[in-house]
Amino acid sequence: MALLFLSLPVLAQNSNQQQIPDAPSATRPFPKPSVSPTSPPAAPEAPQEGEQTQAPPPNITTVPPGGATKEGNTNSREELFTLSNTVNFVNVPVTVRDDKGQLVAGLLPKDFAILEDGQQQKISFFTSDPFPLTAAVVLDLSMSDTEFSKVRETLPALVGAFGQFDEVSLWTYGTTVTRVQGFVPAQNDVFIQNVKKLQKTALGRTGGVPVTGGPMGSGPSVNGLPADRGAAATVDRPQTSTDFRPEAHVLNDAVLAAAQDMSNRDRQHTRRKVLFIISNGRELRSDASYSQVLKVLLTQQITVYAVAVGESAMPIYGKLNKIRIPGQGYGDILPKYANATGGQVFSEFGTQAIEAAYNQATVVAKNQYTLGYYAPNANSKSGAYREIEVRVRKPDLKVITRAGYYPLPPPPPVRQ
């Protein structure tokens, strides 16, 4: 058992070395590739079991940002992970903002209370140290050329937003889902070259009004049918309901595929699992439903961050598209995923704002408080949804975390 503990990396020794680079301008070249270390830093030591204070403290003191619970009041992180083989340990990233929207640093474990299904739980682990990311980047190729042209210019900043200890996979979607690459170090040349290729992608859509008649109305055809299934009907044959069927935007399927791919990563909770979506937010004709995808995200403790571009970045448009029209899908589904998983949507128009959003999203994802507790009735076979509520014993603060989770099934019995 001692050998197992020695093999785990220690994040507390390396966390101060973790540097979060600024996102480079779209006008500057890509950063030079460098392969990150094979072993990312692990998380700090976990707290010891002791009495949990129920009453709020009369005065709240703070510690420097990055401070974790002190040794002597904590169990070893190695012991925590050993126990998690038989007990469902719930890892809860928490973002705290003040009334001006700024991140709040320096809170202590006694400043927090965590409830599951209304019952307060004992906080068994706490840290405010930054975590490296396991991130899946999902890029929407079904947006218009006008929308994508802005995104294309900002892609070098996407590479620069990740640190040397982060690992990244890359996905695209439109009418289908494609995994461009599996998980590699974020500053690896593989990721950089794949992003460069996406910069050269031409979507071939303008987002304008379709032409339905005249010499330009029919387009190429095969046996009298349009070669493009989404094209308008030709004028020399009867029009049917499928002639004007809108093009698919399989956002749900893309999120599901990326989340399932991430599910086997980092079972030791040494990284923050995030899904990073760049999209106009439209969802239409996915095989997977929103509720099905959300269950996977909450079960795997994956947080969704998104950069909304195009029409979905307009506040009025976003409010109107909360209403789902049958047969037309969702107009902007990104806030639903972000709110349910404790993430955030950055709605931006210009290239510089989109660049800044990349960096903001990764900074927020890394620099959260991390609370952990052992779920009650963890070995129960019930997979029912469990609601999570995190409270801060200090006024005028906003707490952002996921709404709940689905417990994993109990592990199989160990044969003697």
Protein backbone atom coordinates (compact mmCIF):
# COMPACT_ATOMS: atom_id res chain seq x y z
CA MET A 1 0.00 0.00 0.00
CA ALA A 2 2.92 2.38 0.74
CA LEU A 3 4.18 1.93 -2.81
CA LEU A 4 0.74 2.95 -4.16
CA PHE A 5 0.82 6.19 -2.19
CA LEU A 6 4.33 7.08 -3.33
CA SER A 7 3.31 6.74 -6.97
CA LEU A 8 0.66 9.50 -6.71
CA PRO A 9 1.84 12.99 -7.68
CA VAL A 10 1.40 15.88 -5.26
CA LEU A 11 -0.33 18.96 -6.56
CA ALA A 12 0.54 21.04 -3.51
CA GLN A 13 4.22 20.99 -4.47
CA ASN A 14 3.58 21.94 -8.07
CA SER A 15 0.51 24.17 -7.94
CA ASN A 16 2.58 27.33 -7.54
CA GLN A 17 4.40 26.44 -10.73
CA GLN A 18 1.18 26.26 -12.71
CA GLN A 19 1.04 29.31 -14.93
CA ILE A 20 -2.14 30.35 -16.71
CA PRO A 21 -1.01 32.17 -19.87
CA ASP A 22 -2.86 35.08 -21.33
CA ALA A 23 -4.71 34.33 -24.53
CA PRO A 24 -2.62 35.62 -27.47
CA SER A 25 -4.07 37.96 -30.01
CA ALA A 26 -5.44 36.55 -33.22
CA THR A 27 -2.90 38.68 -35.03
CA ARG A 28 0.03 36.97 -33.31
CA PRO A 29 1.35 33.54 -34.35
CA PHE A 30 0.61 30.30 -32.55
CA PRO A 31 2.71 29.60 -29.44
CA LYS A 32 5.70 27.35 -29.99
CA PRO A 33 4.76 23.75 -29.24
CA SER A 34 6.15 22.13 -26.17
CA VAL A 35 5.26 18.72 -24.79
CA SER A 36 4.04 18.84 -21.22
CA PRO A 37 5.37 16.49 -18.54
CA THR A 38 3.98 13.00 -18.60
CA SER A 39 2.77 13.26 -15.03
CA PRO A 40 0.51 16.22 -14.21
CA PRO A 41 0.52 17.60 -10.68
CA ALA A 42 -1.87 15.90 -8.32
CA ALA A 43 -4.20 17.52 -5.85
CA PRO A 44 -3.28 18.58 -2.33
CA GLU A 45 -3.75 16.48 0.73
CA ALA A 46 -7.31 15.98 1.91
CA PRO A 47 -8.79 16.92 5.30
CA GLN A 48 -9.00 14.55 8.28
CA GLU A 49 -12.29 13.43 9.62
CA GLY A 50 -13.33 15.62 12.51
CA GLU A 51 -16.25 17.55 13.87
CA GLN A 52 -17.84 19.85 11.30
CA THR A 53 -18.83 23.25 12.65
CA GLN A 54 -22.51 23.90 12.03
CA ALA A 55 -22.88 27.51 13.21
CA PRO A 56 -21.55 30.38 11.12
CA PRO A 57 -18.40 32.00 12.50
CA PRO A 58 -18.76 35.46 14.07
CA ASN A 59 -15.92 36.84 11.95
CA ILE A 60 -14.70 35.35 8.66
CA THR A 61 -10.94 35.26 8.24
CA THR A 62 -9.19 34.52 5.01
CA VAL A 63 -6.06 32.82 3.80
CA PRO A 64 -3.97 33.71 0.75
CA PRO A 65 -5.36 32.50 -2.55
CA GLY A 66 -4.27 28.95 -3.18
CA GLY A 67 -4.25 28.00 0.48
CA ALA A 68 -5.70 24.64 1.41
CA THR A 69 -6.64 23.06 4.73
CA LYS A 70 -3.61 22.60 6.94
CA GLU A 71 -1.80 19.36 7.50
CA GLY A 72 -2.82 17.90 10.81
CA ASN A 73 -6.48 18.62 10.10
CA THR A 74 -6.53 16.52 6.95
CA ASN A 75 -6.40 12.93 5.88
CA SER A 76 -3.87 12.04 3.21
CA ARG A 77 -5.17 12.38 -0.34
CA GLU A 78 -3.90 8.86 -0.93
CA GLU A 79 -6.21 7.52 1.77
CA LEU A 80 -9.10 9.50 0.27
CA PHE A 81 -8.64 7.87 -3.11
CA THR A 82 -8.27 4.41 -1.58
CA LEU A 83 -11.59 4.84 0.21
CA SER A 84 -13.27 6.08 -2.95
CA ASN A 85 -13.01 2.58 -4.36
CA THR A 86 -15.74 1.49 -1.97
CA VAL A 87 -17.48 4.79 -1.17
CA ASN A 88 -19.03 7.23 -3.64
CA PHE A 89 -16.92 10.35 -3.14
CA VAL A 90 -18.60 13.49 -4.50
CA ASN A 91 -16.26 16.14 -5.86
CA VAL A 92 -17.88 19.61 -6.04
CA PRO A 93 -16.10 22.51 -7.79
CA VAL A 94 -17.48 25.85 -6.59
CA THR A 95 -17.13 29.36 -8.02
CA VAL A 96 -17.81 32.27 -5.65
CA ARG A 97 -18.35 35.81 -6.95
CA ASP A 98 -19.05 39.09 -5.20
CA ASP A 99 -21.81 41.56 -6.07
CA LYS A 100 -19.58 43.03 -8.80
CA GLY A 101 -19.05 39.65 -10.47
CA GLN A 102 -15.43 39.31 -9.34
CA LEU A 103 -14.03 35.99 -8.13
CA VAL A 104 -13.74 35.78 -4.34
CA ALA A 105 -10.54 34.22 -2.98
CA GLY A 106 -9.40 33.26 0.49
CA LEU A 107 -12.46 31.53 1.97
CA LEU A 108 -12.00 28.73 4.51
CA PRO A 109 -13.77 25.36 4.90
CA LYS A 110 -15.82 26.75 7.81
CA ASP A 111 -17.21 29.40 5.45
CA PHE A 112 -19.00 26.72 3.42
CA ALA A 113 -21.92 24.40 3.99
CA ILE A 114 -22.90 21.69 1.51
CA LEU A 115 -26.27 19.94 1.43
CA GLU A 116 -27.43 16.86 -0.44
CA ASP A 117 -31.20 16.57 -0.83
CA GLY A 118 -31.58 19.17 1.91
CA GLN A 119 -29.37 17.35 4.44
CA GLN A 120 -26.07 18.97 5.45
CA GLN A 121 -23.01 16.86 4.70
CA LYS A 122 -19.61 16.72 6.37
CA ILE A 123 -16.95 18.37 4.19
CA SER A 124 -14.17 15.79 4.00
CA PHE A 125 -11.99 17.58 1.48
CA PHE A 126 -11.32 21.24 0.72
CA THR A 127 -8.80 23.19 -1.33
CA SER A 128 -8.59 26.42 -3.28
CA ASP A 129 -5.48 25.37 -5.20
CA PRO A 130 -5.78 25.41 -9.02
CA PHE A 131 -6.37 22.11 -10.79
CA PRO A 132 -5.07 21.18 -14.25
CA LEU A 133 -7.78 20.58 -16.82
CA THR A 134 -8.99 17.59 -18.75
CA ALA A 135 -10.86 19.49 -21.45
CA ALA A 136 -12.84 18.50 -24.52
CA VAL A 137 -13.14 21.35 -27.03
CA VAL A 138 -16.31 21.08 -29.15
CA LEU A 139 -16.43 23.37 -32.19
CA ASP A 140 -19.64 24.06 -34.11
CA LEU A 141 -19.18 23.81 -37.89
CA SER A 142 -22.90 24.28 -38.58
CA MET A 143 -22.85 28.03 -37.99
CA SER A 144 -22.87 30.50 -40.87
CA ASP A 145 -19.74 31.71 -42.61
CA THR A 146 -20.17 35.11 -41.00
CA GLU A 147 -20.20 33.58 -37.52
CA PHE A 148 -17.42 31.13 -38.19
CA SER A 149 -15.13 33.72 -39.79
CA LYS A 150 -14.88 35.48 -36.42
CA VAL A 151 -14.21 32.22 -34.60
CA ARG A 152 -11.58 31.22 -37.17
CA GLU A 153 -9.52 34.33 -36.38
CA THR A 154 -9.53 33.60 -32.65
CA LEU A 155 -8.39 29.97 -32.71
CA PRO A 156 -4.71 30.76 -31.92
CA ALA A 157 -5.94 32.28 -28.64
CA LEU A 158 -7.76 29.02 -27.87
CA VAL A 159 -4.42 27.18 -27.83
CA GLY A 160 -2.84 29.82 -25.61
CA ALA A 161 -5.68 29.67 -23.08
CA PHE A 162 -4.59 26.21 -21.89
CA GLY A 163 -1.57 25.56 -19.66
CA GLN A 164 1.27 23.10 -19.95
CA PHE A 165 -0.30 20.61 -17.56
CA ASP A 166 -3.72 20.58 -19.26
CA GLU A 167 -4.82 17.85 -21.65
CA VAL A 168 -7.23 18.49 -24.51
CA SER A 169 -9.33 16.57 -27.02
CA LEU A 170 -10.90 18.21 -30.06
CA TRP A 171 -14.33 17.61 -31.61
CA THR A 172 -16.37 19.19 -34.39
CA TYR A 173 -20.01 18.81 -35.33
CA GLY A 174 -22.59 19.92 -37.85
CA THR A 175 -24.88 17.29 -39.31
CA THR A 176 -22.52 14.65 -37.83
CA VAL A 177 -19.95 14.45 -35.03
CA THR A 178 -16.21 14.05 -35.64
CA ARG A 179 -13.43 13.46 -33.14
CA VAL A 180 -10.50 15.38 -34.60
CA GLN A 181 -8.07 14.17 -31.94
CA GLY A 182 -7.99 12.29 -28.67
CA PHE A 183 -6.48 13.66 -25.47
CA VAL A 184 -3.00 15.15 -25.83
CA PRO A 185 -1.07 17.75 -23.80
CA ALA A 186 -2.50 21.17 -24.59
CA GLN A 187 0.81 22.62 -25.76
CA ASN A 188 1.63 19.56 -27.85
CA ASP A 189 2.23 20.08 -31.56
CA VAL A 190 -0.65 17.70 -32.39
CA PHE A 191 -3.23 20.03 -30.88
CA ILE A 192 -1.64 23.13 -32.40
CA GLN A 193 -1.54 21.65 -35.90
CA ASN A 194 -5.15 20.44 -35.71
CA VAL A 195 -6.31 23.89 -34.68
CA LYS A 196 -4.37 25.38 -37.59
CA LYS A 197 -6.21 23.02 -39.95
CA LEU A 198 -9.53 24.19 -38.56
CA GLN A 199 -8.52 27.75 -39.35
CA LYS A 200 -8.50 26.77 -43.01
CA THR A 201 -11.96 25.21 -42.88
CA ALA A 202 -14.47 26.74 -45.29
CA LEU A 203 -18.08 26.10 -44.36
CA GLY A 204 -19.65 27.17 -47.67
CA ARG A 205 -22.71 28.72 -46.03
CA THR A 206 -23.59 32.39 -45.99
CA GLY A 207 -26.67 32.36 -43.81
CA GLY A 208 -28.63 34.32 -46.41
CA VAL A 209 -32.13 33.78 -47.77
CA PRO A 210 -32.35 30.61 -49.90
CA VAL A 211 -33.15 30.92 -53.61
CA THR A 212 -36.26 28.89 -54.47
CA GLY A 213 -36.80 29.71 -58.15
CA GLY A 214 -35.14 30.78 -61.39
CA PRO A 215 -31.94 29.41 -62.96
CA MET A 216 -30.08 29.56 -59.62
CA GLY A 217 -32.84 27.90 -57.65
CA SER A 218 -32.31 24.24 -58.40
CA GLY A 219 -28.58 23.65 -57.95
CA PRO A 220 -26.91 20.31 -58.82
CA SER A 221 -29.17 17.29 -58.95
CA VAL A 222 -28.99 13.51 -59.25
CA ASN A 223 -31.91 11.73 -60.94
CA GLY A 224 -33.98 14.86 -60.57
CA LEU A 225 -33.31 15.18 -56.84
CA PRO A 226 -31.06 17.77 -55.23
CA ALA A 227 -27.52 16.58 -54.57
CA ASP A 228 -27.68 18.58 -51.33
CA ARG A 229 -30.49 17.15 -49.19
CA GLY A 230 -30.92 20.51 -47.51
CA ALA A 231 -31.28 22.42 -50.78
CA ALA A 232 -34.46 24.15 -51.83
CA ALA A 233 -36.91 22.37 -54.13
CA THR A 234 -36.54 22.64 -57.90
CA VAL A 235 -39.25 24.55 -59.67
CA ASP A 236 -40.14 21.71 -62.05
CA ARG A 237 -41.36 19.21 -59.45
CA PRO A 238 -43.87 19.32 -56.62
CA GLN A 239 -42.52 20.65 -53.36
CA THR A 240 -42.72 18.45 -50.28
CA SER A 241 -42.31 19.05 -46.59
CA THR A 242 -38.75 17.69 -46.70
CA ASP A 243 -37.63 20.19 -49.36
CA PHE A 244 -37.29 22.95 -46.78
CA ARG A 245 -36.18 20.79 -43.91
CA PRO A 246 -33.55 22.80 -42.00
CA GLU A 247 -30.02 21.50 -41.73
CA ALA A 248 -29.21 19.45 -38.63
CA HIS A 249 -27.19 20.86 -35.75
CA VAL A 250 -26.40 17.81 -33.60
CA LEU A 251 -25.08 19.62 -30.53
CA ASN A 252 -26.49 17.06 -28.09
CA ASP A 253 -24.77 14.21 -29.91
CA ALA A 254 -21.45 16.07 -29.90
CA VAL A 255 -21.63 16.83 -26.17
CA LEU A 256 -22.54 13.22 -25.42
CA ALA A 257 -19.67 11.80 -27.49
CA ALA A 258 -17.11 14.11 -25.89
CA ALA A 259 -18.42 13.41 -22.38
CA GLN A 260 -18.35 9.64 -22.85
CA ASP A 261 -14.80 9.89 -24.20
CA MET A 262 -13.85 11.85 -21.07
CA SER A 263 -15.50 9.43 -18.65
CA ASN A 264 -12.46 7.14 -18.45
CA ARG A 265 -10.05 9.99 -17.72
CA ASP A 266 -8.76 10.95 -14.26
CA ARG A 267 -10.61 8.62 -11.93
CA GLN A 268 -8.42 9.92 -9.09
CA HIS A 269 -9.98 13.43 -9.14
CA THR A 270 -6.62 15.14 -9.70
CA ARG A 271 -7.96 17.18 -12.63
CA ARG A 272 -10.94 19.36 -13.40
CA LYS A 273 -13.15 17.84 -16.12
CA VAL A 274 -14.58 20.51 -18.42
CA LEU A 275 -16.35 20.54 -21.74
CA PHE A 276 -15.61 23.70 -23.73
CA ILE A 277 -18.16 24.50 -26.47
CA ILE A 278 -17.79 27.17 -29.18
CA SER A 279 -21.17 27.42 -30.90
CA ASN A 280 -24.18 29.49 -31.87
CA GLY A 281 -26.17 27.22 -29.55
CA ARG A 282 -28.59 25.68 -32.04
CA GLU A 283 -29.66 22.08 -31.53
CA LEU A 284 -31.68 20.10 -34.07
CA ARG A 285 -32.18 16.40 -34.83
CA SER A 286 -29.66 14.85 -32.45
CA ASP A 287 -30.28 11.23 -31.57
CA ALA A 288 -29.60 12.04 -27.91
CA SER A 289 -31.97 14.18 -25.89
CA TYR A 290 -30.92 16.99 -23.56
CA SER A 291 -31.96 15.03 -20.47
CA GLN A 292 -29.96 11.97 -21.55
CA VAL A 293 -26.82 14.02 -22.16
CA LEU A 294 -27.20 15.97 -18.93
CA LYS A 295 -27.37 12.74 -16.92
CA VAL A 296 -24.00 11.66 -18.35
CA LEU A 297 -22.46 15.06 -17.58
CA LEU A 298 -23.67 15.03 -13.98
CA THR A 299 -22.71 11.40 -13.42
CA GLN A 300 -19.18 12.03 -14.68
CA GLN A 301 -18.92 15.39 -12.84
CA ILE A 302 -18.18 17.34 -16.04
CA THR A 303 -18.65 21.12 -16.14
CA VAL A 304 -19.73 22.88 -19.33
CA TYR A 305 -18.26 26.24 -20.38
CA ALA A 306 -19.32 27.82 -23.65
CA VAL A 307 -18.54 30.76 -25.89
CA ALA A 308 -21.80 31.75 -27.59
CA VAL A 309 -21.29 33.48 -30.93
CA GLY A 310 -23.59 34.92 -33.56
CA GLU A 311 -27.27 35.39 -32.77
CA SER A 312 -27.05 33.43 -29.51
CA ALA A 313 -24.82 36.18 -28.10
CA MET A 314 -27.71 38.67 -28.32
CA PRO A 315 -29.54 38.95 -24.96
CA ILE A 316 -33.01 39.38 -26.50
CA TYR A 317 -32.43 36.51 -28.93
CA GLY A 318 -31.34 34.27 -26.09
CA LYS A 319 -34.51 34.96 -24.09
CA LEU A 320 -36.75 34.28 -27.08
CA ASN A 321 -35.04 30.98 -27.81
CA LYS A 322 -35.70 29.59 -24.35
CA ILE A 323 -39.02 28.55 -25.89
CA ARG A 324 -38.68 25.31 -27.82
CA ILE A 325 -40.80 24.97 -30.96
CA PRO A 326 -41.70 21.33 -31.74
CA GLY A 327 -39.77 20.10 -34.77
CA GLN A 328 -37.40 23.08 -34.70
CA GLY A 329 -35.12 22.02 -31.85
CA TYR A 330 -33.56 24.47 -29.41
CA GLY A 331 -32.50 27.95 -30.46
CA ASP A 332 -29.87 28.27 -27.74
CA ILE A 333 -29.26 25.27 -25.50
CA LEU A 334 -25.88 26.36 -24.13
CA PRO A 335 -27.20 28.12 -20.98
CA LYS A 336 -29.15 24.99 -20.02
CA TYR A 337 -26.00 22.86 -20.00
CA ALA A 338 -23.85 25.48 -18.28
CA ASN A 339 -26.35 26.29 -15.52
CA ALA A 340 -27.04 22.65 -14.70
CA THR A 341 -23.34 21.70 -14.47
CA GLY A 342 -22.05 24.78 -12.66
CA GLY A 343 -20.33 26.32 -15.69
CA GLN A 344 -20.76 29.58 -17.54
CA VAL A 345 -21.66 30.95 -20.97
CA PHE A 346 -19.61 33.82 -22.41
CA SER A 347 -21.70 35.62 -25.03
CA GLU A 348 -19.38 37.55 -27.34
CA PHE A 349 -19.52 39.22 -30.75
CA GLY A 350 -16.12 40.61 -31.73
CA THR A 351 -12.90 38.66 -32.19
CA GLN A 352 -11.13 40.31 -29.27
CA ALA A 353 -14.03 39.55 -26.93
CA ILE A 354 -14.06 35.92 -28.06
CA GLU A 355 -10.31 35.67 -27.44
CA ALA A 356 -10.76 37.07 -23.93
CA ALA A 357 -13.60 34.62 -23.28
CA TYR A 358 -11.30 31.64 -23.95
CA ASN A 359 -8.90 32.81 -21.28
CA GLN A 360 -11.65 33.74 -18.81
CA ALA A 361 -13.25 30.30 -19.12
CA THR A 362 -10.02 28.41 -18.41
CA VAL A 363 -9.08 30.71 -15.53
CA VAL A 364 -12.48 30.21 -13.87
CA ALA A 365 -12.39 26.44 -14.44
CA LYS A 366 -8.97 26.07 -12.83
CA ASN A 367 -9.34 28.47 -9.93
CA GLN A 368 -12.42 27.20 -8.14
CA TYR A 369 -12.85 26.00 -4.61
CA THR A 370 -13.07 22.23 -4.46
CA LEU A 371 -15.26 20.63 -1.81
CA GLY A 372 -15.64 16.90 -1.34
CA TYR A 373 -17.81 14.65 0.77
CA TYR A 374 -18.81 11.01 1.03
CA ALA A 375 -22.31 10.51 -0.28
CA PRO A 376 -24.86 9.02 2.13
CA ASN A 377 -26.06 5.54 1.17
CA ALA A 378 -23.26 5.47 -1.38
CA ASN A 379 -23.40 1.72 -1.89
CA SER A 380 -27.09 1.77 -2.70
CA LYS A 381 -27.98 0.50 -6.17
CA SER A 382 -30.34 3.39 -6.67
CA GLY A 383 -29.20 5.77 -9.41
CA ALA A 384 -31.74 8.45 -8.54
CA TYR A 385 -30.80 12.08 -9.00
CA ARG A 386 -29.46 13.83 -5.91
CA GLU A 387 -29.65 17.58 -5.48
CA ILE A 388 -26.64 19.58 -4.30
CA GLU A 389 -26.72 22.99 -2.63
CA VAL A 390 -23.61 24.90 -1.53
CA ARG A 391 -23.94 27.85 0.82
CA VAL A 392 -21.38 30.47 1.86
CA ARG A 393 -21.68 31.99 5.31
CA LYS A 394 -21.05 35.51 4.11
CA PRO A 395 -23.56 37.99 2.67
CA ASP A 396 -23.74 39.31 -0.89
CA LEU A 397 -21.86 36.43 -2.48
CA LYS A 398 -23.06 34.33 -5.40
CA VAL A 399 -22.25 30.62 -5.42
CA ILE A 400 -22.05 28.78 -8.75
CA THR A 401 -21.92 24.99 -8.75
CA ARG A 402 -23.71 22.11 -10.39
CA ALA A 403 -27.29 21.48 -9.38
CA GLY A 404 -26.83 17.81 -8.52
CA TYR A 405 -25.48 14.46 -9.64
CA TYR A 406 -26.33 10.85 -10.36
CA PRO A 407 -24.36 8.40 -8.17
CA LEU A 408 -22.23 5.82 -9.89
CA PRO A 409 -23.21 2.17 -9.42
CA PRO A 410 -21.42 0.36 -6.56
CA PRO A 411 -18.22 -1.47 -7.52
CA PRO A 412 -18.37 -5.27 -7.91
CA PRO A 413 -17.46 -7.26 -4.79
CA VAL A 414 -13.79 -8.13 -4.42
CA ARG A 415 -13.16 -11.86 -4.59
CA GLN A 416 -10.98 -13.24 -1.80
